[in-house]
Amino acid sequence: MYIKISTLLLLIPIFSYSQTNDIMAEKSFYIINTQKDIGLNYWNIVNDDVMGGISKSYLSLNDKKNLVFNGYLSLDNNGGFASSRLSFPKETLSGVKSFKIKVKGDGNIYKLRFRQNNRRASYSCDFQSLKNEWVEINLNVDEFKPYWRGYAYNDYPSLEVSEINSLGIQISDKQEGEFQLEVKYIKAIY
């Protein structure tokens, strides 16, 4: 059973903070944790149809209450990307040093992307999914590089986490065909 996600009420300001009892305590909060109803709102789909492509993507909750990003990536009509984006107020991520994501995929490479209001480029970091296996991946803020329309910027300012106002999940890079990524959570770590 899948439940299609549409524009819902904003839950983003109600983050879930956690701290472990380890010597090096991890201070973090969930950006997305569907099990706790965190990060379900203000998503939208942005595919290559904005430039003539015909890729399709969908965002839903499955029967295990995990976020599912799936669809078909087409290279026809100079297309080649599908994405979903979550908006939230800037300064939400101030002080964050890294992100921890738990995903189950199809073996494709995906991108975690961030946008800032005051920048043309998006900041992306690739991660490899494993086919039908859950994997937890750590991505440091300094691993996110600026891109615009698939082209890397070399002399561009670094990502400023306090200015981030959007998170995205994207598939691109000529990986034509059906895709599916299941997301259990995305956590911001200080």
Protein backbone atom coordinates (compact mmCIF):
# COMPACT_ATOMS: atom_id res chain seq x y z
CA MET A 1 0.00 0.00 0.00
CA TYR A 2 1.32 3.45 -0.90
CA ILE A 3 0.03 6.80 0.29
CA LYS A 4 0.77 9.66 -2.09
CA ILE A 5 2.26 12.70 -0.39
CA SER A 6 0.86 16.04 -1.33
CA THR A 7 1.22 19.42 0.27
CA LEU A 8 0.50 18.86 3.95
CA LEU A 9 0.82 20.96 7.07
CA LEU A 10 4.37 22.06 7.88
CA LEU A 11 6.02 19.87 10.53
CA ILE A 12 9.58 21.02 9.91
CA PRO A 13 9.84 23.40 12.90
CA ILE A 14 8.95 20.48 15.19
CA PHE A 15 12.29 18.68 14.96
CA SER A 16 13.20 15.68 17.02
CA TYR A 17 16.42 16.24 18.96
CA SER A 18 18.42 13.32 20.24
CA GLN A 19 21.62 12.84 22.13
CA THR A 20 23.42 9.57 22.74
CA ASN A 21 25.14 8.62 26.00
CA ASP A 22 28.50 7.97 24.31
CA ILE A 23 31.63 9.76 25.47
CA MET A 24 31.47 11.73 22.22
CA ALA A 25 27.76 12.53 22.46
CA GLU A 26 26.03 13.04 19.12
CA LYS A 27 23.76 16.04 19.13
CA SER A 28 21.41 15.75 16.19
CA PHE A 29 17.89 16.22 14.91
CA TYR A 30 15.75 14.57 12.28
CA ILE A 31 14.99 16.51 9.13
CA ILE A 32 13.02 13.51 7.90
CA ASN A 33 11.78 10.62 10.01
CA THR A 34 8.48 9.33 8.70
CA GLN A 35 8.11 6.93 11.65
CA LYS A 36 7.79 10.03 13.85
CA ASP A 37 5.84 12.09 11.26
CA ILE A 38 8.78 14.47 10.80
CA GLY A 39 9.48 16.00 7.39
CA LEU A 40 6.33 14.93 5.58
CA ASN A 41 5.26 18.39 4.48
CA TYR A 42 6.14 20.94 1.83
CA TRP A 43 7.59 18.49 -0.66
CA ASN A 44 7.36 19.11 -4.37
CA ILE A 45 8.51 17.24 -7.46
CA VAL A 46 10.87 18.88 -9.97
CA ASN A 47 11.69 16.76 -13.02
CA ASP A 48 13.36 17.43 -16.36
CA ASP A 49 9.98 18.37 -17.87
CA VAL A 50 10.87 21.94 -16.82
CA MET A 51 13.28 21.85 -19.80
CA GLY A 52 11.44 19.53 -22.21
CA GLY A 53 12.30 16.11 -20.74
CA ILE A 54 9.79 13.36 -19.98
CA SER A 55 11.11 11.77 -16.76
CA LYS A 56 8.51 11.06 -14.07
CA SER A 57 8.91 10.78 -10.32
CA TYR A 58 6.62 10.29 -7.36
CA LEU A 59 6.87 10.63 -3.61
CA SER A 60 4.80 8.48 -1.27
CA LEU A 61 4.73 6.56 2.00
CA ASN A 62 4.77 2.78 1.80
CA ASP A 63 3.02 0.36 4.17
CA LYS A 64 6.09 0.41 6.45
CA LYS A 65 5.68 4.20 6.62
CA ASN A 66 8.96 4.91 4.81
CA LEU A 67 9.32 7.70 2.27
CA VAL A 68 9.51 6.30 -1.28
CA PHE A 69 10.99 8.32 -4.16
CA ASN A 70 10.42 6.42 -7.39
CA GLY A 71 9.70 6.80 -11.07
CA TYR A 72 11.30 6.54 -14.50
CA LEU A 73 14.37 8.50 -15.63
CA SER A 74 14.31 9.21 -19.38
CA LEU A 75 17.07 10.69 -21.51
CA ASP A 76 14.61 11.58 -24.30
CA ASN A 77 14.25 15.24 -25.32
CA ASN A 78 17.57 16.13 -23.63
CA GLY A 79 16.15 15.08 -20.26
CA GLY A 80 17.84 13.16 -17.54
CA PHE A 81 16.88 14.11 -14.00
CA ALA A 82 14.11 13.54 -11.49
CA SER A 83 13.96 15.09 -8.05
CA SER A 84 11.88 15.81 -4.99
CA ARG A 85 12.41 18.84 -2.76
CA LEU A 86 11.51 19.72 0.80
CA SER A 87 11.34 23.40 1.78
CA PHE A 88 11.99 24.79 5.26
CA PRO A 89 13.03 28.10 6.86
CA LYS A 90 16.65 29.18 6.49
CA GLU A 91 18.76 28.97 9.66
CA THR A 92 17.07 25.63 10.43
CA LEU A 93 20.40 23.88 9.85
CA SER A 94 22.71 26.48 11.47
CA GLY A 95 25.73 24.80 13.01
CA VAL A 96 25.21 21.41 11.35
CA LYS A 97 28.44 19.62 10.38
CA SER A 98 27.15 16.48 8.65
CA PHE A 99 24.10 14.48 7.61
CA LYS A 100 23.26 10.84 8.26
CA ILE A 101 20.81 9.16 5.91
CA LYS A 102 19.32 5.68 6.02
CA VAL A 103 18.12 4.43 2.64
CA LYS A 104 17.25 1.25 0.77
CA GLY A 105 17.64 1.51 -2.97
CA ASP A 106 18.06 -0.14 -6.30
CA GLY A 107 21.84 0.12 -6.76
CA ASN A 108 21.68 3.55 -8.44
CA ILE A 109 23.64 6.62 -7.40
CA TYR A 110 21.51 9.41 -5.94
CA LYS A 111 22.26 12.95 -4.84
CA LEU A 112 21.39 14.71 -1.62
CA ARG A 113 21.05 18.37 -2.56
CA PHE A 114 20.69 21.64 -0.72
CA ARG A 115 19.59 25.03 -2.01
CA GLN A 116 20.08 28.51 -0.63
CA ASN A 117 17.82 31.47 -1.42
CA ASN A 118 20.73 33.68 -2.32
CA ARG A 119 22.54 31.26 -4.68
CA ARG A 120 22.01 30.14 -8.25
CA ALA A 121 23.69 26.77 -7.70
CA SER A 122 22.53 23.79 -5.66
CA TYR A 123 25.01 21.94 -3.50
CA SER A 124 25.10 18.19 -4.13
CA CYS A 125 26.75 15.10 -2.72
CA ASP A 126 26.41 11.69 -4.39
CA PHE A 127 25.62 8.53 -2.46
CA GLN A 128 25.42 4.94 -3.64
CA SER A 129 22.32 2.92 -2.83
CA LEU A 130 22.46 -0.84 -2.45
CA LYS A 131 19.86 -2.99 -4.18
CA ASN A 132 17.20 -4.04 -1.64
CA GLU A 133 19.50 -3.38 1.34
CA TRP A 134 19.33 -0.73 4.02
CA VAL A 135 22.48 1.35 4.32
CA GLU A 136 23.34 4.25 6.63
CA ILE A 137 25.49 6.91 4.98
CA ASN A 138 27.32 9.88 6.52
CA LEU A 139 27.84 12.99 4.38
CA ASN A 140 29.98 15.86 5.68
CA VAL A 141 28.99 19.42 4.81
CA ASP A 142 32.33 19.99 3.05
CA GLU A 143 31.52 17.13 0.62
CA PHE A 144 28.67 19.14 -0.95
CA LYS A 145 29.80 20.85 -4.15
CA PRO A 146 28.02 23.57 -6.18
CA TYR A 147 26.24 22.56 -9.42
CA TRP A 148 23.90 24.33 -11.78
CA ARG A 149 22.02 22.38 -14.46
CA GLY A 150 24.43 19.48 -14.07
CA TYR A 151 27.62 21.54 -14.41
CA ALA A 152 30.08 21.94 -11.54
CA TYR A 153 31.20 25.39 -10.43
CA ASN A 154 34.89 25.64 -9.55
CA ASP A 155 35.14 29.18 -8.16
CA TYR A 156 31.94 29.41 -6.16
CA PRO A 157 31.33 30.04 -2.47
CA SER A 158 31.09 27.04 -0.15
CA LEU A 159 27.79 25.85 1.22
CA GLU A 160 26.55 27.98 4.12
CA VAL A 161 24.35 25.70 6.23
CA SER A 162 22.63 28.64 7.93
CA GLU A 163 21.34 29.78 4.50
CA ILE A 164 19.91 26.41 3.38
CA ASN A 165 16.16 26.55 2.76
CA SER A 166 15.59 23.38 0.73
CA LEU A 167 16.69 19.74 0.74
CA GLY A 168 16.39 17.55 -2.33
CA ILE A 169 16.81 13.96 -3.44
CA GLN A 170 17.76 13.55 -7.10
CA ILE A 171 18.64 10.90 -9.62
CA SER A 172 20.48 11.92 -12.81
CA ASP A 173 23.80 11.21 -14.56
CA LYS A 174 22.34 9.15 -17.43
CA GLN A 175 20.93 6.36 -15.19
CA GLU A 176 17.99 5.76 -17.53
CA GLY A 177 15.18 3.48 -16.39
CA GLU A 178 12.99 2.77 -13.40
CA PHE A 179 14.27 3.81 -10.00
CA GLN A 180 13.20 3.51 -6.39
CA LEU A 181 14.76 4.85 -3.20
CA GLU A 182 13.22 4.21 0.20
CA VAL A 183 14.18 6.69 2.94
CA LYS A 184 13.89 5.85 6.64
CA TYR A 185 15.45 9.10 7.86
CA ILE A 186 17.72 12.04 7.18
CA LYS A 187 19.39 13.40 10.30
CA ALA A 188 21.39 16.59 10.79
CA ILE A 189 24.39 16.24 13.11
CA TYR A 190 26.20 19.05 14.98
